[in-house]
Amino acid sequence: SFSIKDNQSVKTLLDDMEIEHDDELTVRRKVNISGKNSIFINDHSSKLKRLSVLGEWLIDLHGQHAQQFLLRPATHVDYLDQFANLKDTVQQFQDLYRLLRQKQQEKEALEQSAAERARNIDFIQFQIEEIEKAGFTAEEVTQLDEELRVLTYGEQIVETLTPIAQWHTVEQSPLNSISATLGPLESLLKVAPDLKELAAEIKSGLISLQEAAAGIDQYLNNLDIDPNRLEAVNERLAELDRLKRKYGQTLDDIDSFKVEQARKLTNIEKQDINYLELENEIVGLIEQVAERGAE
């Protein structure tokens, strides 16, 4: 049995081992004939290794040529702190110092990666600016695709539609042929009134064809097959293809990439703010550690 009333080190060890205690410590060892041993610390079953650690704070053996616990310089400061009742103050100092070292290491890590962060900022800003400068929208892409089709097949479109647009002006046209037959057909209505409905349909069809021919003529008048415009459309779509190869398969993917890069840029820039905060925090911790150290 040991009195541990003033032995704070032992009490701390017992707390770490989750062994209940008061001001007295009892150690029992049971040795069986079979050779099996049992160790109990305050009636808690324990292992030899834990007893050995605890024993160093309970008993000091002195013998010739032996390296004794009492003679270890590393333990002398513990004796002094215990004698002066400085356990709490020392613990506060250690906690502050440990936090100071942690913050200093964080600062060192930020300093080491400063050049890399600068490179990342430049690269991300370049990517964002490239996407924003291109300024593609879904409406423009749709319009470019339509223009490309028209400009690419412009010659074929003109060749196909021009004869229809000329129905109003050429003598031998479907409109003149139908008109020529419509007069005699209407004169037959007096003797064959059953043809009235069919004649009306032909006349209606003639009007529809006239309107269609006029519409196609207007379409051709508005059609601008400009080789320079075709080149400009191709260049614009080629620029979109370059962006797709770099940043995403679709315009939505490119926009999502830009948003993600903007988020990364914000986080990287925050690290510079964190660096200044760390510097201020370290200055305060150094002062606190110095005060505790002096105490």
Protein backbone atom coordinates (compact mmCIF):
# COMPACT_ATOMS: atom_id res chain seq x y z
CA SER A 1 0.00 0.00 0.00
CA PHE A 2 1.20 3.47 -0.91
CA SER A 3 0.12 6.91 0.19
CA ILE A 4 -0.35 9.00 -2.98
CA LYS A 5 -1.92 12.01 -1.34
CA ASP A 6 0.82 14.35 -2.66
CA ASN A 7 1.85 12.24 -5.66
CA GLN A 8 0.03 13.97 -8.49
CA SER A 9 2.02 12.10 -11.16
CA VAL A 10 0.67 8.75 -9.93
CA LYS A 11 -2.87 10.11 -9.76
CA THR A 12 -2.58 11.31 -13.36
CA LEU A 13 -1.34 7.88 -14.47
CA LEU A 14 -4.24 6.19 -12.68
CA ASP A 15 -6.67 8.54 -14.40
CA ASP A 16 -5.14 7.66 -17.75
CA MET A 17 -5.50 3.96 -16.90
CA GLU A 18 -9.13 4.58 -15.82
CA ILE A 19 -8.41 3.15 -12.35
CA GLU A 20 -10.36 4.61 -9.44
CA HIS A 21 -8.29 6.01 -6.57
CA ASP A 22 -8.25 8.23 -3.52
CA ASP A 23 -5.23 9.07 -1.35
CA GLU A 24 -4.13 5.45 -1.06
CA LEU A 25 -2.99 2.96 -3.69
CA THR A 26 -2.97 -0.81 -3.21
CA VAL A 27 -1.04 -3.17 -5.44
CA ARG A 28 -1.59 -6.98 -5.24
CA ARG A 29 0.08 -9.76 -7.14
CA LYS A 30 -1.22 -13.30 -6.96
CA VAL A 31 1.18 -16.12 -7.85
CA ASN A 32 -0.36 -19.54 -8.51
CA ILE A 33 1.46 -22.87 -8.22
CA SER A 34 0.82 -23.35 -11.92
CA GLY A 35 2.99 -20.33 -12.59
CA LYS A 36 0.17 -18.03 -13.73
CA ASN A 37 0.33 -14.59 -12.14
CA SER A 38 -2.47 -12.03 -11.57
CA ILE A 39 -1.90 -8.32 -10.94
CA PHE A 40 -4.41 -5.97 -9.30
CA ILE A 41 -4.14 -2.20 -8.89
CA ASN A 42 -6.80 -0.92 -6.49
CA ASP A 43 -8.60 -4.20 -7.19
CA HIS A 44 -8.54 -3.52 -10.94
CA SER A 45 -7.03 -6.33 -12.98
CA SER A 46 -3.92 -5.04 -14.74
CA LYS A 47 -0.94 -6.02 -16.88
CA LEU A 48 2.71 -6.16 -15.85
CA LYS A 49 3.62 -3.39 -18.27
CA ARG A 50 1.19 -0.95 -16.65
CA LEU A 51 2.47 -1.89 -13.20
CA SER A 52 6.05 -1.28 -14.36
CA VAL A 53 5.17 2.21 -15.58
CA LEU A 54 3.33 2.97 -12.36
CA GLY A 55 6.10 1.47 -10.21
CA GLU A 56 8.67 3.98 -11.48
CA TRP A 57 6.65 6.69 -9.69
CA LEU A 58 6.22 4.65 -6.49
CA ILE A 59 9.60 3.08 -5.71
CA ASP A 60 13.15 4.01 -6.66
CA LEU A 61 15.75 1.24 -6.36
CA HIS A 62 19.35 2.19 -5.63
CA GLY A 63 22.10 -0.26 -6.40
CA GLN A 64 25.74 -0.28 -7.37
CA HIS A 65 26.37 0.37 -11.11
CA ALA A 66 22.61 0.68 -11.77
CA GLN A 67 21.07 3.44 -13.90
CA GLN A 68 18.46 4.68 -11.45
CA PHE A 69 15.27 6.64 -12.13
CA LEU A 70 16.26 9.29 -9.60
CA LEU A 71 19.48 9.97 -11.47
CA ARG A 72 17.82 10.60 -14.85
CA PRO A 73 18.18 14.34 -15.62
CA ALA A 74 15.03 14.28 -17.72
CA THR A 75 12.95 13.62 -14.59
CA HIS A 76 14.43 16.39 -12.44
CA VAL A 77 12.18 19.11 -13.87
CA ASP A 78 9.14 16.98 -12.91
CA TYR A 79 10.34 16.81 -9.31
CA LEU A 80 10.81 20.57 -9.27
CA ASP A 81 7.37 21.26 -10.79
CA GLN A 82 5.72 18.86 -8.35
CA PHE A 83 7.50 20.41 -5.36
CA ALA A 84 6.47 23.92 -6.45
CA ASN A 85 2.84 22.90 -7.21
CA LEU A 86 3.22 24.10 -10.80
CA LYS A 87 1.33 21.26 -12.51
CA ASP A 88 -1.52 23.44 -13.85
CA THR A 89 0.79 26.28 -14.87
CA VAL A 90 3.12 23.89 -16.68
CA GLN A 91 0.17 22.28 -18.44
CA GLN A 92 -1.07 25.67 -19.60
CA PHE A 93 2.41 26.52 -20.87
CA GLN A 94 2.64 23.21 -22.74
CA ASP A 95 -0.81 23.65 -24.32
CA LEU A 96 0.03 27.18 -25.48
CA TYR A 97 3.43 26.12 -26.80
CA ARG A 98 1.93 23.16 -28.65
CA LEU A 99 -0.66 25.48 -30.25
CA LEU A 100 2.07 28.00 -31.15
CA ARG A 101 4.11 25.30 -32.93
CA GLN A 102 1.01 24.14 -34.79
CA LYS A 103 0.29 27.66 -36.05
CA GLN A 104 3.95 28.19 -36.99
CA GLN A 105 3.92 24.96 -39.01
CA GLU A 106 0.73 26.06 -40.77
CA LYS A 107 2.40 29.36 -41.62
CA GLU A 108 5.50 27.57 -42.91
CA ALA A 109 3.32 25.36 -45.13
CA LEU A 110 1.58 28.43 -46.57
CA GLU A 111 4.95 30.11 -47.21
CA GLN A 112 6.28 27.02 -49.01
CA SER A 113 3.21 26.89 -51.27
CA ALA A 114 3.09 30.65 -51.94
CA ALA A 115 4.74 30.37 -55.37
CA GLU A 116 2.48 27.49 -56.36
CA ARG A 117 -0.59 29.46 -55.24
CA ALA A 118 0.52 32.42 -57.34
CA ARG A 119 0.87 30.16 -60.39
CA ASN A 120 -2.54 28.63 -59.75
CA ILE A 121 -4.14 32.07 -59.42
CA ASP A 122 -2.66 33.21 -62.75
CA PHE A 123 -3.71 30.01 -64.53
CA ILE A 124 -7.26 30.00 -63.15
CA GLN A 125 -7.72 33.70 -63.95
CA PHE A 126 -6.54 33.00 -67.52
CA GLN A 127 -9.11 30.18 -67.89
CA ILE A 128 -11.96 32.30 -66.54
CA GLU A 129 -11.01 35.28 -68.72
CA GLU A 130 -10.74 33.08 -71.82
CA ILE A 131 -14.28 31.74 -71.30
CA GLU A 132 -15.73 35.16 -70.47
CA LYS A 133 -13.98 36.84 -73.40
CA ALA A 134 -15.44 34.27 -75.82
CA GLY A 135 -18.88 35.15 -74.44
CA PHE A 136 -20.83 32.30 -76.03
CA THR A 137 -24.55 31.95 -75.32
CA ALA A 138 -26.96 29.15 -76.19
CA GLU A 139 -28.87 31.50 -78.51
CA GLU A 140 -25.74 32.45 -80.43
CA VAL A 141 -24.65 28.81 -80.84
CA THR A 142 -28.09 27.93 -82.26
CA GLN A 143 -27.93 30.88 -84.67
CA LEU A 144 -24.39 29.97 -85.75
CA ASP A 145 -25.41 26.39 -86.52
CA GLU A 146 -28.34 27.61 -88.62
CA GLU A 147 -26.19 30.13 -90.46
CA LEU A 148 -23.54 27.51 -91.16
CA ARG A 149 -26.09 25.19 -92.77
CA VAL A 150 -27.52 27.95 -94.95
CA LEU A 151 -24.13 29.35 -95.97
CA THR A 152 -22.65 25.91 -96.64
CA TYR A 153 -25.54 24.85 -98.90
CA GLY A 154 -26.30 28.37 -100.20
CA GLU A 155 -25.57 27.59 -103.85
CA GLN A 156 -27.80 24.51 -103.77
CA ILE A 157 -30.58 26.48 -102.07
CA VAL A 158 -30.45 29.24 -104.69
CA GLU A 159 -30.39 26.79 -107.59
CA THR A 160 -33.40 24.92 -106.21
CA LEU A 161 -35.57 27.88 -105.22
CA THR A 162 -34.87 30.34 -108.04
CA PRO A 163 -37.08 28.55 -110.64
CA ILE A 164 -39.98 28.56 -108.14
CA ALA A 165 -39.48 32.26 -107.34
CA GLN A 166 -39.63 33.00 -111.11
CA TRP A 167 -43.08 31.42 -111.60
CA HIS A 168 -44.54 34.92 -111.55
CA THR A 169 -42.28 36.19 -114.33
CA VAL A 170 -41.65 33.35 -116.78
CA GLU A 171 -44.24 32.43 -119.37
CA GLN A 172 -43.95 28.67 -119.10
CA SER A 173 -44.65 28.19 -115.38
CA PRO A 174 -47.06 26.03 -113.34
CA LEU A 175 -48.98 29.16 -112.36
CA ASN A 176 -49.65 30.16 -116.00
CA SER A 177 -50.52 26.57 -116.92
CA ILE A 178 -53.04 26.28 -114.12
CA SER A 179 -54.47 29.73 -114.85
CA ALA A 180 -54.85 28.78 -118.52
CA THR A 181 -56.87 25.69 -117.68
CA LEU A 182 -58.89 27.32 -114.91
CA GLY A 183 -60.76 29.67 -117.35
CA PRO A 184 -62.19 26.94 -119.57
CA LEU A 185 -62.97 24.83 -116.52
CA GLU A 186 -65.05 27.59 -114.95
CA SER A 187 -66.96 28.04 -118.24
CA LEU A 188 -67.99 24.37 -118.02
CA LEU A 189 -69.74 24.98 -114.72
CA LYS A 190 -72.84 26.18 -116.59
CA VAL A 191 -73.26 22.76 -118.16
CA ALA A 192 -71.55 20.70 -115.48
CA PRO A 193 -72.32 22.31 -112.12
CA ASP A 194 -70.94 19.22 -110.34
CA LEU A 195 -67.43 20.50 -111.18
CA LYS A 196 -67.89 23.67 -109.11
CA GLU A 197 -66.30 22.24 -105.97
CA LEU A 198 -63.32 20.83 -107.91
CA ALA A 199 -62.83 24.10 -109.73
CA ALA A 200 -62.82 25.93 -106.38
CA GLU A 201 -60.13 23.59 -105.09
CA ILE A 202 -57.97 24.19 -108.15
CA LYS A 203 -58.43 27.96 -107.79
CA SER A 204 -57.52 27.72 -104.08
CA GLY A 205 -54.46 25.65 -104.98
CA LEU A 206 -53.46 28.26 -107.52
CA ILE A 207 -53.65 31.00 -104.89
CA SER A 208 -51.56 28.86 -102.47
CA LEU A 209 -48.93 28.29 -105.14
CA GLN A 210 -48.83 32.01 -105.94
CA GLU A 211 -48.32 32.82 -102.24
CA ALA A 212 -45.65 30.12 -101.94
CA ALA A 213 -43.79 31.44 -104.97
CA ALA A 214 -43.97 34.98 -103.54
CA GLY A 215 -42.69 33.74 -100.19
CA ILE A 216 -39.76 31.91 -101.78
CA ASP A 217 -38.93 35.01 -103.81
CA GLN A 218 -38.87 37.05 -100.59
CA TYR A 219 -36.70 34.35 -98.92
CA LEU A 220 -34.16 34.55 -101.74
CA ASN A 221 -34.13 38.35 -101.57
CA ASN A 222 -33.29 38.16 -97.86
CA LEU A 223 -30.73 35.37 -98.33
CA ASP A 224 -27.18 36.67 -98.04
CA ILE A 225 -24.65 34.11 -99.24
CA ASP A 226 -21.52 35.99 -98.20
CA PRO A 227 -18.23 34.00 -98.27
CA ASN A 228 -16.76 36.37 -95.68
CA ARG A 229 -19.65 35.63 -93.33
CA LEU A 230 -19.12 31.90 -93.83
CA GLU A 231 -15.49 32.32 -92.83
CA ALA A 232 -16.48 34.32 -89.74
CA VAL A 233 -19.05 31.69 -88.67
CA ASN A 234 -16.49 28.90 -89.12
CA GLU A 235 -13.93 30.80 -87.04
CA ARG A 236 -16.46 31.43 -84.29
CA LEU A 237 -17.51 27.76 -84.17
CA ALA A 238 -13.83 26.70 -84.23
CA GLU A 239 -13.28 28.88 -81.15
CA LEU A 240 -16.19 27.11 -79.45
CA ASP A 241 -14.65 23.75 -80.33
CA ARG A 242 -11.35 24.82 -78.72
CA LEU A 243 -13.16 25.72 -75.53
CA LYS A 244 -14.99 22.39 -75.56
CA ARG A 245 -11.73 20.46 -75.90
CA LYS A 246 -10.29 22.32 -72.91
CA TYR A 247 -13.24 22.85 -70.58
CA GLY A 248 -16.20 20.58 -71.44
CA GLN A 249 -18.20 18.83 -74.12
CA THR A 250 -21.12 21.26 -74.03
CA LEU A 251 -21.69 24.96 -73.39
CA ASP A 252 -23.27 24.04 -70.04
CA ASP A 253 -20.14 22.07 -69.14
CA ILE A 254 -17.98 25.08 -69.97
CA ASP A 255 -20.12 27.36 -67.79
CA SER A 256 -19.99 24.84 -64.92
CA PHE A 257 -16.21 24.66 -65.26
CA LYS A 258 -15.97 28.46 -65.04
CA VAL A 259 -18.10 28.51 -61.87
CA GLU A 260 -15.94 25.79 -60.27
CA GLN A 261 -12.71 27.62 -61.16
CA ALA A 262 -14.10 30.84 -59.68
CA ARG A 263 -14.80 28.93 -56.45
CA LYS A 264 -11.23 27.56 -56.40
CA LEU A 265 -9.86 31.05 -57.00
CA THR A 266 -11.82 32.38 -54.02
CA ASN A 267 -10.48 29.59 -51.79
CA ILE A 268 -6.88 30.21 -52.86
CA GLU A 269 -7.21 33.94 -52.24
CA LYS A 270 -8.63 33.15 -48.81
CA GLN A 271 -5.35 31.40 -47.98
CA ASP A 272 -3.56 34.74 -48.27
CA ILE A 273 -6.05 36.18 -45.80
CA ASN A 274 -5.46 33.16 -43.55
CA TYR A 275 -1.72 33.84 -43.71
CA LEU A 276 -2.18 37.34 -42.29
CA GLU A 277 -4.51 35.97 -39.61
CA LEU A 278 -1.93 33.31 -38.72
CA GLU A 279 0.79 35.94 -38.38
CA ASN A 280 -1.34 37.94 -35.96
CA GLU A 281 -2.33 34.81 -34.04
CA ILE A 282 1.32 33.70 -33.75
CA VAL A 283 2.35 37.10 -32.37
CA GLY A 284 -0.34 36.81 -29.68
CA LEU A 285 0.63 33.23 -28.81
CA ILE A 286 4.31 34.15 -28.50
CA GLU A 287 3.38 36.79 -25.94
CA GLN A 288 1.20 34.32 -23.99
CA VAL A 289 3.91 31.64 -24.04
CA ALA A 290 6.49 34.16 -22.85
CA GLU A 291 4.22 35.24 -19.98
CA ARG A 292 3.55 31.65 -18.92
CA GLY A 293 7.25 30.78 -19.31
CA ALA A 294 8.26 33.70 -17.07
CA GLU A 295 5.66 32.61 -14.52
